[in-house]
C-alpha atoms as a PDB file:
ATOM      1  CA  UNK A   1      -4.192  -3.711  -9.984  1.00  0.00           C
ATOM      2  CA  UNK A   2      -1.086  -2.609 -11.861  1.00  0.00           C
ATOM      3  CA  UNK A   3       2.360  -3.228 -10.374  1.00  0.00           C
ATOM      4  CA  UNK A   4       3.191  -0.284  -8.106  1.00  0.00           C
ATOM      5  CA  UNK A   5       6.442   0.996  -6.610  1.00  0.00           C
ATOM      6  CA  UNK A   6       6.426   3.583  -3.829  1.00  0.00           C
ATOM      7  CA  UNK A   7       9.332   5.956  -3.311  1.00  0.00           C
ATOM      8  CA  UNK A   8       9.605   7.262   0.249  1.00  0.00           C
ATOM      9  CA  UNK A   9       9.328   5.150   3.427  1.00  0.00           C
ATOM     10  CA  UNK A  10       7.919   7.883   5.637  1.00  0.00           C
ATOM     11  CA  UNK A  11       4.531   8.123   7.345  1.00  0.00           C
ATOM     12  CA  UNK A  12       2.391   8.265   4.190  1.00  0.00           C
ATOM     13  CA  UNK A  13       4.520   5.949   2.065  1.00  0.00           C
ATOM     14  CA  UNK A  14       4.396   3.129   4.615  1.00  0.00           C
ATOM     15  CA  UNK A  15       0.654   3.518   5.083  1.00  0.00           C
ATOM     16  CA  UNK A  16       0.047   3.308   1.332  1.00  0.00           C
ATOM     17  CA  UNK A  17       2.224   0.206   1.165  1.00  0.00           C
ATOM     18  CA  UNK A  18       0.177  -1.441   3.926  1.00  0.00           C
ATOM     19  CA  UNK A  19      -3.088  -0.785   2.110  1.00  0.00           C
ATOM     20  CA  UNK A  20      -1.984  -1.447  -1.487  1.00  0.00           C
ATOM     21  CA  UNK A  21       0.364  -4.356  -0.649  1.00  0.00           C
ATOM     22  CA  UNK A  22       2.989  -3.097  -3.086  1.00  0.00           C
ATOM     23  CA  UNK A  23       6.756  -2.646  -3.197  1.00  0.00           C
ATOM     24  CA  UNK A  24       8.430   0.297  -1.484  1.00  0.00           C
ATOM     25  CA  UNK A  25      11.924   1.605  -2.203  1.00  0.00           C
ATOM     26  CA  UNK A  26      14.293   2.605   0.584  1.00  0.00           C
ATOM     27  CA  UNK A  27      16.916   3.969  -1.797  1.00  0.00           C
ATOM     28  CA  UNK A  28      18.242   7.452  -1.085  1.00  0.00           C
ATOM     29  CA  UNK A  29      17.530   9.424  -4.254  1.00  0.00           C
ATOM     30  CA  UNK A  30      20.262  11.818  -5.398  1.00  0.00           C
ATOM     31  CA  UNK A  31      19.939  11.733  -9.195  1.00  0.00           C
ATOM     32  CA  UNK A  32      17.975  10.369 -12.158  1.00  0.00           C
ATOM     33  CA  UNK A  33      20.032   7.173 -12.225  1.00  0.00           C
ATOM     34  CA  UNK A  34      18.947   6.332  -8.679  1.00  0.00           C
ATOM     35  CA  UNK A  35      15.303   6.400  -9.765  1.00  0.00           C
ATOM     36  CA  UNK A  36      16.004   4.470 -12.969  1.00  0.00           C
ATOM     37  CA  UNK A  37      17.905   1.738 -11.114  1.00  0.00           C
ATOM     38  CA  UNK A  38      14.923   1.150  -8.801  1.00  0.00           C
ATOM     39  CA  UNK A  39      12.584   0.987 -11.787  1.00  0.00           C
ATOM     40  CA  UNK A  40      14.907  -1.529 -13.460  1.00  0.00           C
ATOM     41  CA  UNK A  41      14.912  -3.557 -10.236  1.00  0.00           C
ATOM     42  CA  UNK A  42      11.146  -3.586  -9.513  1.00  0.00           C
ATOM     43  CA  UNK A  43       9.729  -3.011 -13.028  1.00  0.00           C
ATOM     44  CA  UNK A  44       6.610  -1.076 -11.919  1.00  0.00           C
ATOM     45  CA  UNK A  45       3.811   0.195 -14.131  1.00  0.00           C
ATOM     46  CA  UNK A  46       3.060   2.982 -11.624  1.00  0.00           C
ATOM     47  CA  UNK A  47       5.378   4.884  -9.299  1.00  0.00           C
ATOM     48  CA  UNK A  48       4.068   6.820  -6.309  1.00  0.00           C
ATOM     49  CA  UNK A  49       6.263   9.627  -5.043  1.00  0.00           C
ATOM     50  CA  UNK A  50       5.954   9.998  -1.268  1.00  0.00           C
ATOM     51  CA  UNK A  51       9.384  11.564  -0.832  1.00  0.00           C
ATOM     52  CA  UNK A  52       9.266  14.926   0.869  1.00  0.00           C
ATOM     53  CA  UNK A  53      10.208  16.762   4.004  1.00  0.00           C
ATOM     54  CA  UNK A  54       7.929  18.684   6.361  1.00  0.00           C
ATOM     55  CA  UNK A  55      10.446  19.142   9.168  1.00  0.00           C
ATOM     56  CA  UNK A  56      12.149  17.150  11.881  1.00  0.00           C
ATOM     57  CA  UNK A  57      10.328  14.380  13.775  1.00  0.00           C
ATOM     58  CA  UNK A  58       8.447  16.201  16.491  1.00  0.00           C
ATOM     59  CA  UNK A  59       9.150  19.487  14.736  1.00  0.00           C
ATOM     60  CA  UNK A  60       7.261  21.445  12.085  1.00  0.00           C
ATOM     61  CA  UNK A  61       7.621  23.180   8.737  1.00  0.00           C
ATOM     62  CA  UNK A  62       9.580  26.027  10.331  1.00  0.00           C
ATOM     63  CA  UNK A  63      12.507  23.576  10.431  1.00  0.00           C
ATOM     64  CA  UNK A  64      12.790  23.830   6.653  1.00  0.00           C
ATOM     65  CA  UNK A  65      14.029  27.402   6.931  1.00  0.00           C
ATOM     66  CA  UNK A  66      17.258  25.900   8.310  1.00  0.00           C
ATOM     67  CA  UNK A  67      17.594  23.164   5.662  1.00  0.00           C
ATOM     68  CA  UNK A  68      16.494  24.972   2.513  1.00  0.00           C
ATOM     69  CA  UNK A  69      18.744  23.009   0.128  1.00  0.00           C
ATOM     70  CA  UNK A  70      17.505  19.651   1.404  1.00  0.00           C
ATOM     71  CA  UNK A  71      13.868  20.778   1.417  1.00  0.00           C
ATOM     72  CA  UNK A  72      14.065  22.203  -2.102  1.00  0.00           C
ATOM     73  CA  UNK A  73      15.673  19.013  -3.395  1.00  0.00           C
ATOM     74  CA  UNK A  74      13.168  16.692  -1.683  1.00  0.00           C
ATOM     75  CA  UNK A  75       9.992  18.679  -2.285  1.00  0.00           C
ATOM     76  CA  UNK A  76      10.675  20.301  -5.654  1.00  0.00           C
ATOM     77  CA  UNK A  77      13.480  18.635  -7.612  1.00  0.00           C
ATOM     78  CA  UNK A  78      12.830  14.960  -6.840  1.00  0.00           C
ATOM     79  CA  UNK A  79       9.212  15.156  -8.096  1.00  0.00           C
ATOM     80  CA  UNK A  80      10.457  16.718 -11.338  1.00  0.00           C
ATOM     81  CA  UNK A  81      13.099  13.980 -11.692  1.00  0.00           C
ATOM     82  CA  UNK A  82      10.378  11.379 -11.048  1.00  0.00           C
ATOM     83  CA  UNK A  83       8.311  12.942 -13.824  1.00  0.00           C
ATOM     84  CA  UNK A  84      11.251  12.915 -16.235  1.00  0.00           C
ATOM     85  CA  UNK A  85      11.943   9.241 -15.608  1.00  0.00           C
ATOM     86  CA  UNK A  86       8.263   8.326 -15.859  1.00  0.00           C
ATOM     87  CA  UNK A  87       8.072  10.036 -19.263  1.00  0.00           C
ATOM     88  CA  UNK A  88      11.207   8.244 -20.488  1.00  0.00           C
ATOM     89  CA  UNK A  89       9.928   4.859 -19.302  1.00  0.00           C
ATOM     90  CA  UNK A  90       6.262   5.407 -20.215  1.00  0.00           C
ATOM     91  CA  UNK A  91       4.992   4.649 -16.716  1.00  0.00           C
ATOM     92  CA  UNK A  92       2.426   6.471 -14.582  1.00  0.00           C
ATOM     93  CA  UNK A  93       3.547   8.882 -11.877  1.00  0.00           C
ATOM     94  CA  UNK A  94       1.413   9.616  -8.828  1.00  0.00           C
ATOM     95  CA  UNK A  95       2.755  12.525  -6.804  1.00  0.00           C
ATOM     96  CA  UNK A  96       1.691  13.562  -3.311  1.00  0.00           C
ATOM     97  CA  UNK A  97       1.278  17.308  -3.272  1.00  0.00           C
ATOM     98  CA  UNK A  98      -0.148  19.485  -0.500  1.00  0.00           C
ATOM     99  CA  UNK A  99      -3.183  21.650   0.105  1.00  0.00           C
ATOM    100  CA  UNK A 100      -1.080  23.948   2.297  1.00  0.00           C
ATOM    101  CA  UNK A 101      -0.253  26.265  -0.600  1.00  0.00           C
ATOM    102  CA  UNK A 102      -3.128  28.744  -0.500  1.00  0.00           C
ATOM    103  CA  UNK A 103      -4.252  31.901   1.180  1.00  0.00           C
ATOM    104  CA  UNK A 104      -7.903  31.579   2.138  1.00  0.00           C
ATOM    105  CA  UNK A 105     -10.640  34.031   3.087  1.00  0.00           C
ATOM    106  CA  UNK A 106     -13.338  32.193   5.054  1.00  0.00           C
ATOM    107  CA  UNK A 107     -15.844  35.011   4.637  1.00  0.00           C
ATOM    108  CA  UNK A 108     -15.540  35.536   0.912  1.00  0.00           C
ATOM    109  CA  UNK A 109     -14.200  32.329  -0.662  1.00  0.00           C
ATOM    110  CA  UNK A 110     -15.730  29.001  -1.571  1.00  0.00           C
ATOM    111  CA  UNK A 111     -13.660  25.845  -0.954  1.00  0.00           C
ATOM    112  CA  UNK A 112     -10.567  25.800  -3.158  1.00  0.00           C
ATOM    113  CA  UNK A 113     -10.795  23.794  -6.379  1.00  0.00           C
ATOM    114  CA  UNK A 114      -8.136  21.991  -8.408  1.00  0.00           C
ATOM    115  CA  UNK A 115      -8.096  24.782 -10.974  1.00  0.00           C
ATOM    116  CA  UNK A 116      -6.771  27.301  -8.456  1.00  0.00           C
ATOM    117  CA  UNK A 117      -3.015  27.741  -8.255  1.00  0.00           C
ATOM    118  CA  UNK A 118      -0.981  27.977  -5.073  1.00  0.00           C
ATOM    119  CA  UNK A 119      -0.449  31.511  -3.825  1.00  0.00           C
ATOM    120  CA  UNK A 120       0.841  31.055  -0.267  1.00  0.00           C
ATOM    121  CA  UNK A 121       4.439  32.178  -0.616  1.00  0.00           C
ATOM    122  CA  UNK A 122       4.882  33.197   3.043  1.00  0.00           C
ATOM    123  CA  UNK A 123       6.391  29.836   4.041  1.00  0.00           C
ATOM    124  CA  UNK A 124       9.367  28.120   2.395  1.00  0.00           C
ATOM    125  CA  UNK A 125       7.678  24.715   2.695  1.00  0.00           C
ATOM    126  CA  UNK A 126       4.663  25.973   0.739  1.00  0.00           C
ATOM    127  CA  UNK A 127       6.889  27.454  -1.960  1.00  0.00           C
ATOM    128  CA  UNK A 128       8.692  24.130  -2.467  1.00  0.00           C
ATOM    129  CA  UNK A 129       5.358  22.340  -2.922  1.00  0.00           C
ATOM    130  CA  UNK A 130       4.097  25.012  -5.323  1.00  0.00           C
ATOM    131  CA  UNK A 131       7.213  24.656  -7.518  1.00  0.00           C
ATOM    132  CA  UNK A 132       6.731  20.913  -8.007  1.00  0.00           C
ATOM    133  CA  UNK A 133       2.956  21.053  -8.395  1.00  0.00           C
ATOM    134  CA  UNK A 134       3.147  23.684 -11.117  1.00  0.00           C
ATOM    135  CA  UNK A 135       5.730  21.741 -13.124  1.00  0.00           C
ATOM    136  CA  UNK A 136       3.825  18.459 -12.867  1.00  0.00           C
ATOM    137  CA  UNK A 137       0.504  20.154 -13.589  1.00  0.00           C
ATOM    138  CA  UNK A 138       1.813  21.312 -16.967  1.00  0.00           C
ATOM    139  CA  UNK A 139       3.130  17.833 -17.789  1.00  0.00           C
ATOM    140  CA  UNK A 140      -0.103  16.139 -16.670  1.00  0.00           C
ATOM    141  CA  UNK A 141      -1.982  17.829 -19.509  1.00  0.00           C
ATOM    142  CA  UNK A 142      -0.152  15.540 -21.935  1.00  0.00           C
ATOM    143  CA  UNK A 143       1.368  12.738 -19.864  1.00  0.00           C
ATOM    144  CA  UNK A 144       0.187  10.099 -17.387  1.00  0.00           C
ATOM    145  CA  UNK A 145       0.679  12.071 -14.155  1.00  0.00           C
ATOM    146  CA  UNK A 146      -1.698  12.204 -11.189  1.00  0.00           C
ATOM    147  CA  UNK A 147      -1.204  14.862  -8.492  1.00  0.00           C
ATOM    148  CA  UNK A 148      -2.940  14.403  -5.141  1.00  0.00           C
ATOM    149  CA  UNK A 149      -3.333  17.319  -2.770  1.00  0.00           C
ATOM    150  CA  UNK A 150      -3.594  16.058   0.794  1.00  0.00           C
ATOM    151  CA  UNK A 151      -3.888  18.170   3.913  1.00  0.00           C
ATOM    152  CA  UNK A 152      -3.170  17.709   7.653  1.00  0.00           C
ATOM    153  CA  UNK A 153      -3.017  13.892   7.721  1.00  0.00           C
ATOM    154  CA  UNK A 154      -5.095  12.228  10.435  1.00  0.00           C
ATOM    155  CA  UNK A 155      -4.689   8.511  11.120  1.00  0.00           C
ATOM    156  CA  UNK A 156      -6.067   5.836  13.411  1.00  0.00           C
ATOM    157  CA  UNK A 157      -2.650   4.793  14.645  1.00  0.00           C
ATOM    158  CA  UNK A 158       0.052   6.755  16.453  1.00  0.00           C
ATOM    159  CA  UNK A 159       2.768   8.519  14.460  1.00  0.00           C
ATOM    160  CA  UNK A 160       4.612  11.791  15.110  1.00  0.00           C
ATOM    161  CA  UNK A 161       3.285  13.094  11.770  1.00  0.00           C
ATOM    162  CA  UNK A 162      -0.340  12.263  12.660  1.00  0.00           C
ATOM    163  CA  UNK A 163      -2.251  15.456  13.536  1.00  0.00           C
ATOM    164  CA  UNK A 164      -3.819  13.701  16.536  1.00  0.00           C
ATOM    165  CA  UNK A 165      -0.365  12.984  18.003  1.00  0.00           C
ATOM    166  CA  UNK A 166       0.609  16.599  17.394  1.00  0.00           C
ATOM    167  CA  UNK A 167      -2.503  18.002  19.066  1.00  0.00           C
ATOM    168  CA  UNK A 168      -2.061  15.746  22.090  1.00  0.00           C
ATOM    169  CA  UNK A 169       1.484  17.043  22.463  1.00  0.00           C
ATOM    170  CA  UNK A 170       0.630  20.720  21.878  1.00  0.00           C
ATOM    171  CA  UNK A 171      -2.159  20.955  24.500  1.00  0.00           C
ATOM    172  CA  UNK A 172      -2.782  24.537  23.266  1.00  0.00           C
ATOM    173  CA  UNK A 173      -4.648  24.533  19.953  1.00  0.00           C
ATOM    174  CA  UNK A 174      -6.284  26.880  17.474  1.00  0.00           C
ATOM    175  CA  UNK A 175      -9.894  26.093  16.595  1.00  0.00           C
ATOM    176  CA  UNK A 176     -10.331  27.193  12.988  1.00  0.00           C
ATOM    177  CA  UNK A 177     -12.224  24.946  10.527  1.00  0.00           C
ATOM    178  CA  UNK A 178      -9.798  23.147   8.211  1.00  0.00           C
ATOM    179  CA  UNK A 179      -9.847  20.470   5.552  1.00  0.00           C
ATOM    180  CA  UNK A 180      -8.341  17.203   6.797  1.00  0.00           C
ATOM    181  CA  UNK A 181      -7.147  14.015   5.069  1.00  0.00           C
ATOM    182  CA  UNK A 182      -8.043  10.863   7.003  1.00  0.00           C
ATOM    183  CA  UNK A 183      -5.494   8.305   5.842  1.00  0.00           C
ATOM    184  CA  UNK A 184      -7.878   5.293   5.534  1.00  0.00           C
ATOM    185  CA  UNK A 185     -10.180   7.452   3.382  1.00  0.00           C
ATOM    186  CA  UNK A 186      -7.190   8.661   1.362  1.00  0.00           C
ATOM    187  CA  UNK A 187      -5.970   5.163   0.538  1.00  0.00           C
ATOM    188  CA  UNK A 188      -9.452   4.154  -0.634  1.00  0.00           C
ATOM    189  CA  UNK A 189      -9.592   7.255  -2.852  1.00  0.00           C
ATOM    190  CA  UNK A 190      -6.124   6.426  -4.183  1.00  0.00           C
ATOM    191  CA  UNK A 191      -7.231   2.900  -5.148  1.00  0.00           C
ATOM    192  CA  UNK A 192     -10.240   4.380  -6.950  1.00  0.00           C
ATOM    193  CA  UNK A 193      -8.202   6.960  -8.862  1.00  0.00           C
ATOM    194  CA  UNK A 194      -5.719   4.292  -9.942  1.00  0.00           C
ATOM    195  CA  UNK A 195      -8.596   2.071 -11.094  1.00  0.00           C
ATOM    196  CA  UNK A 196     -10.092   4.805 -13.294  1.00  0.00           C
ATOM    197  CA  UNK A 197      -6.617   5.840 -14.530  1.00  0.00           C
ATOM    198  CA  UNK A 198      -7.100   9.451 -13.430  1.00  0.00           C
ATOM    199  CA  UNK A 199      -4.623  12.176 -14.351  1.00  0.00           C
ATOM    200  CA  UNK A 200      -4.221  15.816 -13.359  1.00  0.00           C
ATOM    201  CA  UNK A 201      -4.802  17.325  -9.922  1.00  0.00           C
ATOM    202  CA  UNK A 202      -7.259  16.062  -7.305  1.00  0.00           C
ATOM    203  CA  UNK A 203      -7.935  17.385  -3.828  1.00  0.00           C
ATOM    204  CA  UNK A 204      -8.084  14.350  -1.525  1.00  0.00           C
ATOM    205  CA  UNK A 205      -9.529  15.490   1.782  1.00  0.00           C
ATOM    206  CA  UNK A 206     -12.572  14.368   3.706  1.00  0.00           C
ATOM    207  CA  UNK A 207     -15.829  16.229   3.229  1.00  0.00           C
ATOM    208  CA  UNK A 208     -16.671  19.029   5.661  1.00  0.00           C
ATOM    209  CA  UNK A 209     -14.215  20.962   7.791  1.00  0.00           C
ATOM    210  CA  UNK A 210     -12.865  20.069  11.198  1.00  0.00           C
ATOM    211  CA  UNK A 211     -12.282  22.182  14.267  1.00  0.00           C
ATOM    212  CA  UNK A 212      -9.612  20.477  16.347  1.00  0.00           C
ATOM    213  CA  UNK A 213     -11.743  20.724  19.487  1.00  0.00           C
ATOM    214  CA  UNK A 214     -14.212  18.247  17.955  1.00  0.00           C
ATOM    215  CA  UNK A 215     -11.465  15.646  17.593  1.00  0.00           C
ATOM    216  CA  UNK A 216     -10.037  16.254  21.053  1.00  0.00           C
ATOM    217  CA  UNK A 217     -13.448  16.148  22.709  1.00  0.00           C
ATOM    218  CA  UNK A 218     -13.928  12.632  21.354  1.00  0.00           C
ATOM    219  CA  UNK A 219     -10.462  11.730  22.655  1.00  0.00           C
ATOM    220  CA  UNK A 220     -11.493  13.076  26.083  1.00  0.00           C
ATOM    221  CA  UNK A 221     -14.433  10.659  26.128  1.00  0.00           C
ATOM    222  CA  UNK A 222     -11.898   7.834  26.364  1.00  0.00           C
ATOM    223  CA  UNK A 223      -9.195   9.754  28.256  1.00  0.00           C
ATOM    224  CA  UNK A 224     -11.098  12.152  30.536  1.00  0.00           C
ATOM    225  CA  UNK A 225      -7.912  13.233  32.285  1.00  0.00           C
ATOM    226  CA  UNK A 226      -6.671  14.878  29.070  1.00  0.00           C
ATOM    227  CA  UNK A 227      -6.950  18.678  29.021  1.00  0.00           C
ATOM    228  CA  UNK A 228      -6.416  21.204  26.252  1.00  0.00           C
ATOM    229  CA  UNK A 229      -6.757  24.939  25.795  1.00  0.00           C
ATOM    230  CA  UNK A 230      -8.001  26.892  22.775  1.00  0.00           C
ATOM    231  CA  UNK A 231      -5.852  29.855  21.749  1.00  0.00           C
ATOM    232  CA  UNK A 232      -6.112  32.447  18.984  1.00  0.00           C
ATOM    233  CA  UNK A 233      -3.856  32.909  15.969  1.00  0.00           C
ATOM    234  CA  UNK A 234      -2.106  35.860  17.596  1.00  0.00           C
ATOM    235  CA  UNK A 235      -0.935  33.687  20.472  1.00  0.00           C
ATOM    236  CA  UNK A 236      -0.023  30.837  18.114  1.00  0.00           C
ATOM    237  CA  UNK A 237       2.228  33.133  16.125  1.00  0.00           C
ATOM    238  CA  UNK A 238       4.175  33.994  19.263  1.00  0.00           C
ATOM    239  CA  UNK A 239       5.091  30.291  19.559  1.00  0.00           C
ATOM    240  CA  UNK A 240       6.096  29.546  15.948  1.00  0.00           C
ATOM    241  CA  UNK A 241       8.317  31.305  13.405  1.00  0.00           C
ATOM    242  CA  UNK A 242       6.266  31.281  10.220  1.00  0.00           C
ATOM    243  CA  UNK A 243       2.659  31.801   9.218  1.00  0.00           C
ATOM    244  CA  UNK A 244       0.321  28.861   8.590  1.00  0.00           C
ATOM    245  CA  UNK A 245      -2.441  28.117   6.108  1.00  0.00           C
ATOM    246  CA  UNK A 246      -6.011  27.595   7.262  1.00  0.00           C
ATOM    247  CA  UNK A 247      -8.153  26.570   4.315  1.00  0.00           C
ATOM    248  CA  UNK A 248     -11.043  24.545   2.938  1.00  0.00           C
ATOM    249  CA  UNK A 249     -10.577  22.360  -0.143  1.00  0.00           C
ATOM    250  CA  UNK A 250     -13.330  21.185  -2.478  1.00  0.00           C
ATOM    251  CA  UNK A 251     -13.728  17.447  -3.194  1.00  0.00           C
ATOM    252  CA  UNK A 252     -16.391  17.946  -5.859  1.00  0.00           C
ATOM    253  CA  UNK A 253     -14.038  16.875  -8.667  1.00  0.00           C
ATOM    254  CA  UNK A 254     -13.128  13.653  -6.837  1.00  0.00           C
ATOM    255  CA  UNK A 255     -16.755  12.810  -6.103  1.00  0.00           C
ATOM    256  CA  UNK A 256     -17.729  13.393  -9.739  1.00  0.00           C
ATOM    257  CA  UNK A 257     -15.533  10.393 -10.608  1.00  0.00           C
ATOM    258  CA  UNK A 258     -17.871   8.191  -8.568  1.00  0.00           C
ATOM    259  CA  UNK A 259     -15.955   8.067  -5.305  1.00  0.00           C
ATOM    260  CA  UNK A 260     -17.931   8.947  -2.185  1.00  0.00           C
ATOM    261  CA  UNK A 261     -15.628  10.664   0.287  1.00  0.00           C
ATOM    262  CA  UNK A 262     -16.808  10.324   3.914  1.00  0.00           C
ATOM    263  CA  UNK A 263     -17.448  13.364   6.048  1.00  0.00           C
ATOM    264  CA  UNK A 264     -14.657  13.970   8.532  1.00  0.00           C
ATOM    265  CA  UNK A 265     -17.277  13.800  11.291  1.00  0.00           C
ATOM    266  CA  UNK A 266     -18.308  10.287  10.276  1.00  0.00           C
ATOM    267  CA  UNK A 267     -14.835   8.880  10.942  1.00  0.00           C
ATOM    268  CA  UNK A 268     -13.762  10.658  14.151  1.00  0.00           C
ATOM    269  CA  UNK A 269     -15.159   8.134  16.616  1.00  0.00           C
ATOM    270  CA  UNK A 270     -13.669   5.160  14.769  1.00  0.00           C
ATOM    271  CA  UNK A 271     -10.394   7.025  14.342  1.00  0.00           C
ATOM    272  CA  UNK A 272      -9.933   7.728  18.057  1.00  0.00           C
ATOM    273  CA  UNK A 273     -11.140   4.313  19.196  1.00  0.00           C
ATOM    274  CA  UNK A 274      -8.744   2.492  16.855  1.00  0.00           C
ATOM    275  CA  UNK A 275      -5.934   4.918  17.624  1.00  0.00           C
ATOM    276  CA  UNK A 276      -6.175   4.071  21.327  1.00  0.00           C
ATOM    277  CA  UNK A 277      -6.159   0.334  20.556  1.00  0.00           C
ATOM    278  CA  UNK A 278      -3.000   0.817  18.495  1.00  0.00           C
ATOM    279  CA  UNK A 279      -1.286   3.079  21.022  1.00  0.00           C
END
């Protein structure tokens, strides 16, 4: 595999490093020179941008409304700077985007494809991700840029950013089908896309949609004392400031490359069992 450098030592960045056994930068990025100095130091052929902010630890994307400058810089401007440096140095850029940028009508829409453009402007977080994805999408038509849309990361080890940790803390949950990215499946898809030298946008979520109750019911098998309550969107919106996306993403484009993405239901048991071992 080509020499890879990850920018961003958060939840996803560290997990990618563990699976790809590559270098990871802990440098605080403030300008183009910061990125170039790390490239001079590590001399990668591929850089993976995992820098971004989704809110405080234990918080949520509503937090970004209070730190708009920081969020805009991390989620929108740094990816564009990464792209500029990658073009100058003739190296591949892989950028982690988000699937949380769409309105979705469950009754009348098919799962969202890579050709569809973000239209969920109700939340500042979503707007910052739309800005960077649109810029990089244009560049990826000519340059070596790969954009990966992930959604609601689920992992088999505890982390405040893991949706399982969040659900266990919330206790009150909505139960709407959603596309989910299981991190072990994501890292395997990432390896595949690097191997085939893919460019452009790919949705990287597990097949089929998940209702949170399905995940928590498996957790209850091992921890029967755990209790949760299902609530509706109306009640949820009395507890949070901004609206949220609930959507389904298509993985047809990814699977056409030869990668078989597991169903979310095929990994739940293993996910919970390993999560509890790692807790």
